[in-house]
PDB file of N, CA and C in Angstrom:
ATOM      1  N   MET A   1       0.788  -1.242   0.016  1.00  0.00           N
ATOM      2  CA  MET A   1      -0.087   0.075   0.109  1.00  0.00           C
ATOM      3  C   MET A   1       0.957   1.426   0.023  1.00  0.00           C
ATOM      4  N   LYS A   2       0.520   2.123  -0.759  1.00  0.00           N
ATOM      5  CA  LYS A   2       1.259   3.491  -0.892  1.00  0.00           C
ATOM      6  C   LYS A   2       0.992   4.375   0.346  1.00  0.00           C
ATOM      7  N   SER A   3       1.956   5.143   0.755  1.00  0.00           N
ATOM      8  CA  SER A   3       1.902   6.036   1.815  1.00  0.00           C
ATOM      9  C   SER A   3       1.226   7.309   1.332  1.00  0.00           C
ATOM     10  N   PHE A   4       0.680   8.048   2.183  1.00  0.00           N
ATOM     11  CA  PHE A   4      -0.020   9.336   1.794  1.00  0.00           C
ATOM     12  C   PHE A   4       0.994  10.415   1.217  1.00  0.00           C
ATOM     13  N   GLU A   5       2.210  10.165   1.730  1.00  0.00           N
ATOM     14  CA  GLU A   5       3.158  10.934   1.088  1.00  0.00           C
ATOM     15  C   GLU A   5       3.373  10.792  -0.262  1.00  0.00           C
ATOM     16  N   ALA A   6       3.464   9.493  -0.819  1.00  0.00           N
ATOM     17  CA  ALA A   6       3.563   8.963  -2.119  1.00  0.00           C
ATOM     18  C   ALA A   6       2.414   9.592  -3.104  1.00  0.00           C
ATOM     19  N   ILE A   7       1.329   9.084  -2.374  1.00  0.00           N
ATOM     20  CA  ILE A   7       0.106   9.479  -3.105  1.00  0.00           C
ATOM     21  C   ILE A   7      -0.148  10.953  -3.198  1.00  0.00           C
ATOM     22  N   ALA A   8       0.216  11.851  -2.389  1.00  0.00           N
ATOM     23  CA  ALA A   8       0.263  13.256  -2.419  1.00  0.00           C
ATOM     24  C   ALA A   8       1.263  13.752  -3.362  1.00  0.00           C
ATOM     25  N   GLN A   9       2.425  13.166  -3.386  1.00  0.00           N
ATOM     26  CA  GLN A   9       3.421  13.674  -4.344  1.00  0.00           C
ATOM     27  C   GLN A   9       3.019  13.311  -5.894  1.00  0.00           C
ATOM     28  N   GLU A  10       2.503  12.025  -6.050  1.00  0.00           N
ATOM     29  CA  GLU A  10       2.062  11.630  -7.301  1.00  0.00           C
ATOM     30  C   GLU A  10       0.768  12.591  -7.829  1.00  0.00           C
ATOM     31  N   ALA A  11      -0.006  12.792  -7.014  1.00  0.00           N
ATOM     32  CA  ALA A  11      -1.141  13.916  -7.332  1.00  0.00           C
ATOM     33  C   ALA A  11      -0.689  15.201  -7.542  1.00  0.00           C
ATOM     34  N   TYR A  12       0.324  15.650  -6.793  1.00  0.00           N
ATOM     35  CA  TYR A  12       0.933  16.773  -7.063  1.00  0.00           C
ATOM     36  C   TYR A  12       1.560  16.961  -8.375  1.00  0.00           C
ATOM     37  N   THR A  13       2.405  16.001  -8.780  1.00  0.00           N
ATOM     38  CA  THR A  13       3.035  15.708 -10.041  1.00  0.00           C
ATOM     39  C   THR A  13       2.023  15.886 -11.130  1.00  0.00           C
ATOM     40  N   ALA A  14       0.969  15.010 -10.910  1.00  0.00           N
ATOM     41  CA  ALA A  14      -0.169  15.044 -11.952  1.00  0.00           C
ATOM     42  C   ALA A  14      -0.782  16.442 -12.296  1.00  0.00           C
ATOM     43  N   PHE A  15      -0.960  17.196 -10.918  1.00  0.00           N
ATOM     44  CA  PHE A  15      -1.405  18.456 -11.146  1.00  0.00           C
ATOM     45  C   PHE A  15      -0.428  19.384 -11.959  1.00  0.00           C
ATOM     46  N   ARG A  16       0.802  19.353 -11.522  1.00  0.00           N
ATOM     47  CA  ARG A  16       1.645  20.133 -12.457  1.00  0.00           C
ATOM     48  C   ARG A  16       1.699  19.769 -13.733  1.00  0.00           C
ATOM     49  N   SER A  17       1.744  18.443 -14.204  1.00  0.00           N
ATOM     50  CA  SER A  17       1.727  18.091 -15.484  1.00  0.00           C
ATOM     51  C   SER A  17       0.439  18.657 -16.204  1.00  0.00           C
ATOM     52  N   SER A  18      -0.586  18.961 -15.692  1.00  0.00           N
ATOM     53  CA  SER A  18      -1.860  19.309 -16.435  1.00  0.00           C
ATOM     54  C   SER A  18      -1.886  20.853 -16.595  1.00  0.00           C
ATOM     55  N   LEU A  19      -0.950  21.522 -15.837  1.00  0.00           N
ATOM     56  CA  LEU A  19      -0.839  23.070 -16.079  1.00  0.00           C
ATOM     57  C   LEU A  19      -0.249  23.551 -17.389  1.00  0.00           C
ATOM     58  N   PRO A  20      -0.998  24.246 -18.153  1.00  0.00           N
ATOM     59  CA  PRO A  20      -0.561  24.796 -19.370  1.00  0.00           C
ATOM     60  C   PRO A  20       1.106  25.314 -19.328  1.00  0.00           C
ATOM     61  N   GLU A  21       1.191  26.083 -18.277  1.00  0.00           N
ATOM     62  CA  GLU A  21       2.597  26.568 -18.089  1.00  0.00           C
ATOM     63  C   GLU A  21       2.849  26.314 -16.689  1.00  0.00           C
ATOM     64  N   GLN A  22       4.293  25.590 -16.620  1.00  0.00           N
ATOM     65  CA  GLN A  22       4.752  25.100 -15.383  1.00  0.00           C
ATOM     66  C   GLN A  22       5.784  25.826 -14.665  1.00  0.00           C
ATOM     67  N   ASP A  23       5.954  26.959 -15.304  1.00  0.00           N
ATOM     68  CA  ASP A  23       6.994  27.887 -14.719  1.00  0.00           C
ATOM     69  C   ASP A  23       7.041  28.257 -13.283  1.00  0.00           C
ATOM     70  N   TRP A  24       5.749  28.647 -12.916  1.00  0.00           N
ATOM     71  CA  TRP A  24       5.390  29.105 -11.629  1.00  0.00           C
ATOM     72  C   TRP A  24       5.457  28.122 -10.591  1.00  0.00           C
ATOM     73  N   ALA A  25       5.033  26.668 -11.031  1.00  0.00           N
ATOM     74  CA  ALA A  25       4.833  25.717 -10.110  1.00  0.00           C
ATOM     75  C   ALA A  25       6.217  25.111  -9.692  1.00  0.00           C
ATOM     76  N   LEU A  26       6.382  24.885  -8.305  1.00  0.00           N
ATOM     77  CA  LEU A  26       7.695  24.286  -7.819  1.00  0.00           C
ATOM     78  C   LEU A  26       7.667  22.805  -7.731  1.00  0.00           C
ATOM     79  N   PRO A  27       8.655  22.086  -7.794  1.00  0.00           N
ATOM     80  CA  PRO A  27       8.692  20.793  -7.777  1.00  0.00           C
ATOM     81  C   PRO A  27       8.409  20.225  -6.254  1.00  0.00           C
ATOM     82  N   TRP A  28       8.094  19.071  -6.070  1.00  0.00           N
ATOM     83  CA  TRP A  28       7.612  18.589  -4.734  1.00  0.00           C
ATOM     84  C   TRP A  28       8.775  19.040  -3.602  1.00  0.00           C
ATOM     85  N   ASP A  29       9.876  18.825  -3.894  1.00  0.00           N
ATOM     86  CA  ASP A  29      10.938  19.103  -3.075  1.00  0.00           C
ATOM     87  C   ASP A  29      11.129  20.662  -2.760  1.00  0.00           C
ATOM     88  N   GLY A  30      10.575  21.512  -3.645  1.00  0.00           N
ATOM     89  CA  GLY A  30      10.629  22.974  -3.413  1.00  0.00           C
ATOM     90  C   GLY A  30       9.438  23.572  -2.373  1.00  0.00           C
ATOM     91  N   LEU A  31       8.387  22.703  -2.344  1.00  0.00           N
ATOM     92  CA  LEU A  31       7.301  23.274  -1.623  1.00  0.00           C
ATOM     93  C   LEU A  31       7.711  23.317  -0.012  1.00  0.00           C
ATOM     94  N   THR A  32       6.933  24.201   0.524  1.00  0.00           N
ATOM     95  CA  THR A  32       7.159  24.273   2.033  1.00  0.00           C
ATOM     96  C   THR A  32       6.532  23.128   2.777  1.00  0.00           C
ATOM     97  N   GLU A  33       7.007  22.757   3.947  1.00  0.00           N
ATOM     98  CA  GLU A  33       6.478  21.717   4.729  1.00  0.00           C
ATOM     99  C   GLU A  33       4.991  21.843   4.932  1.00  0.00           C
ATOM    100  N   ALA A  34       4.402  23.113   5.145  1.00  0.00           N
ATOM    101  CA  ALA A  34       3.049  23.337   5.315  1.00  0.00           C
ATOM    102  C   ALA A  34       2.211  22.917   4.011  1.00  0.00           C
ATOM    103  N   THR A  35       2.692  23.317   2.868  1.00  0.00           N
ATOM    104  CA  THR A  35       2.166  23.019   1.554  1.00  0.00           C
ATOM    105  C   THR A  35       2.217  21.503   1.279  1.00  0.00           C
ATOM    106  N   ARG A  36       3.177  20.842   1.740  1.00  0.00           N
ATOM    107  CA  ARG A  36       3.323  19.391   1.435  1.00  0.00           C
ATOM    108  C   ARG A  36       2.287  18.719   2.213  1.00  0.00           C
ATOM    109  N   GLU A  37       2.193  19.179   3.558  1.00  0.00           N
ATOM    110  CA  GLU A  37       1.324  18.689   4.649  1.00  0.00           C
ATOM    111  C   GLU A  37      -0.160  18.851   4.054  1.00  0.00           C
ATOM    112  N   ALA A  38      -0.419  19.929   3.613  1.00  0.00           N
ATOM    113  CA  ALA A  38      -1.747  20.235   3.103  1.00  0.00           C
ATOM    114  C   ALA A  38      -2.061  19.183   1.745  1.00  0.00           C
ATOM    115  N   TRP A  39      -1.145  18.840   0.907  1.00  0.00           N
ATOM    116  CA  TRP A  39      -1.367  17.884  -0.021  1.00  0.00           C
ATOM    117  C   TRP A  39      -1.571  16.541   0.536  1.00  0.00           C
ATOM    118  N   ARG A  40      -0.741  16.196   1.622  1.00  0.00           N
ATOM    119  CA  ARG A  40      -0.931  14.851   2.422  1.00  0.00           C
ATOM    120  C   ARG A  40      -2.281  14.835   2.979  1.00  0.00           C
ATOM    121  N   ALA A  41      -2.744  15.923   3.285  1.00  0.00           N
ATOM    122  CA  ALA A  41      -4.287  15.997   3.949  1.00  0.00           C
ATOM    123  C   ALA A  41      -5.246  15.724   2.881  1.00  0.00           C
ATOM    124  N   ALA A  42      -5.143  16.274   1.690  1.00  0.00           N
ATOM    125  CA  ALA A  42      -5.924  16.093   0.666  1.00  0.00           C
ATOM    126  C   ALA A  42      -5.862  14.644   0.049  1.00  0.00           C
ATOM    127  N   ALA A  43      -4.704  14.012   0.084  1.00  0.00           N
ATOM    128  CA  ALA A  43      -4.624  12.634  -0.300  1.00  0.00           C
ATOM    129  C   ALA A  43      -5.089  11.833   0.646  1.00  0.00           C
ATOM    130  N   ARG A  44      -5.253  12.025   2.165  1.00  0.00           N
ATOM    131  CA  ARG A  44      -5.962  11.170   3.088  1.00  0.00           C
ATOM    132  C   ARG A  44      -7.463  11.314   2.809  1.00  0.00           C
ATOM    133  N   LYS A  45      -7.962  12.765   2.655  1.00  0.00           N
ATOM    134  CA  LYS A  45      -9.401  12.789   2.443  1.00  0.00           C
ATOM    135  C   LYS A  45      -9.830  11.955   1.008  1.00  0.00           C
ATOM    136  N   MET A  46      -8.943  12.120   0.088  1.00  0.00           N
ATOM    137  CA  MET A  46      -9.582  11.365  -1.193  1.00  0.00           C
ATOM    138  C   MET A  46      -9.470   9.835  -0.873  1.00  0.00           C
ATOM    139  N   ALA A  47      -8.833   9.308  -0.123  1.00  0.00           N
ATOM    140  CA  ALA A  47      -8.561   8.025   0.177  1.00  0.00           C
ATOM    141  C   ALA A  47      -9.780   7.620   0.967  1.00  0.00           C
ATOM    142  N   GLU A  48      -9.958   8.468   1.882  1.00  0.00           N
ATOM    143  CA  GLU A  48     -11.263   7.968   2.681  1.00  0.00           C
ATOM    144  C   GLU A  48     -12.553   7.992   2.006  1.00  0.00           C
ATOM    145  N   GLU A  49     -12.614   9.068   0.935  1.00  0.00           N
ATOM    146  CA  GLU A  49     -13.936   9.113   0.240  1.00  0.00           C
ATOM    147  C   GLU A  49     -13.871   7.891  -0.717  1.00  0.00           C
ATOM    148  N   ILE A  50     -12.883   7.562  -1.285  1.00  0.00           N
ATOM    149  CA  ILE A  50     -12.736   6.299  -2.131  1.00  0.00           C
ATOM    150  C   ILE A  50     -13.118   5.184  -1.403  1.00  0.00           C
ATOM    151  N   GLN A  51     -12.661   4.870  -0.257  1.00  0.00           N
ATOM    152  CA  GLN A  51     -13.080   3.687   0.546  1.00  0.00           C
ATOM    153  C   GLN A  51     -14.328   3.786   0.755  1.00  0.00           C
ATOM    154  N   GLN A  52     -15.202   4.667   1.076  1.00  0.00           N
ATOM    155  CA  GLN A  52     -16.708   4.868   1.230  1.00  0.00           C
ATOM    156  C   GLN A  52     -17.254   4.219   0.164  1.00  0.00           C
ATOM    157  N   VAL A  53     -16.929   4.729  -1.033  1.00  0.00           N
ATOM    158  CA  VAL A  53     -17.624   4.444  -2.186  1.00  0.00           C
ATOM    159  C   VAL A  53     -17.344   2.717  -2.443  1.00  0.00           C
ATOM    160  N   HIS A  54     -16.191   2.322  -2.227  1.00  0.00           N
ATOM    161  CA  HIS A  54     -15.982   0.828  -2.321  1.00  0.00           C
ATOM    162  C   HIS A  54     -16.595   0.075  -1.341  1.00  0.00           C
TER     163      HIS A  54
END
């Protein structure tokens, strides 16, 4: 099972790759800890919602 960290990082990477211009978006390692934690929280919430559906 993937960690929430891995899920959040992959989600952020997918988000960045969908942007038409990526010059303003930082790589995962360039984000502040607070921003990374926000992505982790979002990943946890998405996982909880998916579990409820299945």
